[in-house]
Amino acid sequence: MTLIDIKKLTFIDYPLKTYDKIRYSDTDRQGHVNNAVFSAFLETGRVEVLLHPEKPLSGLNGSFVIVNLNINLIAEIRWPGTIDIGTGIVKLGNSSIQMSQGLFQNEQLVATAETVIVHVDNETKRSSPLTQEAKNFLTQYLLKTEI
C-alpha cells in the first residue's frame, strides 16, 4: 500500500498524535488487550482527522467509508495505561485518503495499520470528490516520504 516502512516510524514521526485510555474491560482471559480493541484505538486517531468538530471535511451530503483496513499486530498491549496513537496521511486521491497509523505503549510499537477511506455521497452511495478545502486541510497531516 505505501512506500513508507511504517514499522520504522516512531510516535514522533506522525503529524497527528493522540492517545486513548486502556480499560480493564478491554482485556481478555490472557490478561492482555483483546485484538478487536486495537481497531477502536485506531478509530480514535482517524476520527480526530476526519471528524474534526471545527473543520468538518465531508460535504453536506457526504460521509467517509473505510474500504480497506490492514492491521499488523506486533506486540501485546497490557492494562493499565494508555495507548499513544500516531496518524498520518500517505496519499490524497480525488475521493480517497490513504492513512498510516501506529499504536505505541510505553514508547514501544505494538501495532501498525494502513487504511483507505473514501468520501461518498450519502444518496448515491458512490464515491464523491473531496473538496479542495478538505484537501488543503488534510495536507498538514501528510507523512514525510523520506522516513
Foldseek 3Di string as FASTA:
>chain_A
DAPDPVQPDFLVQFLDKDKFWDDQVQADPVQFGDPVCVVVGQVVRVCCLQVPPVDHFAPPQKDKDWPDKDKDFAATHHDGDMKMKGKAWADDDQFKTWMKMFIDDPRHTGMIMIIIMGMAGNPVRHGDGTDPVSVVSRVSRHGDSVD
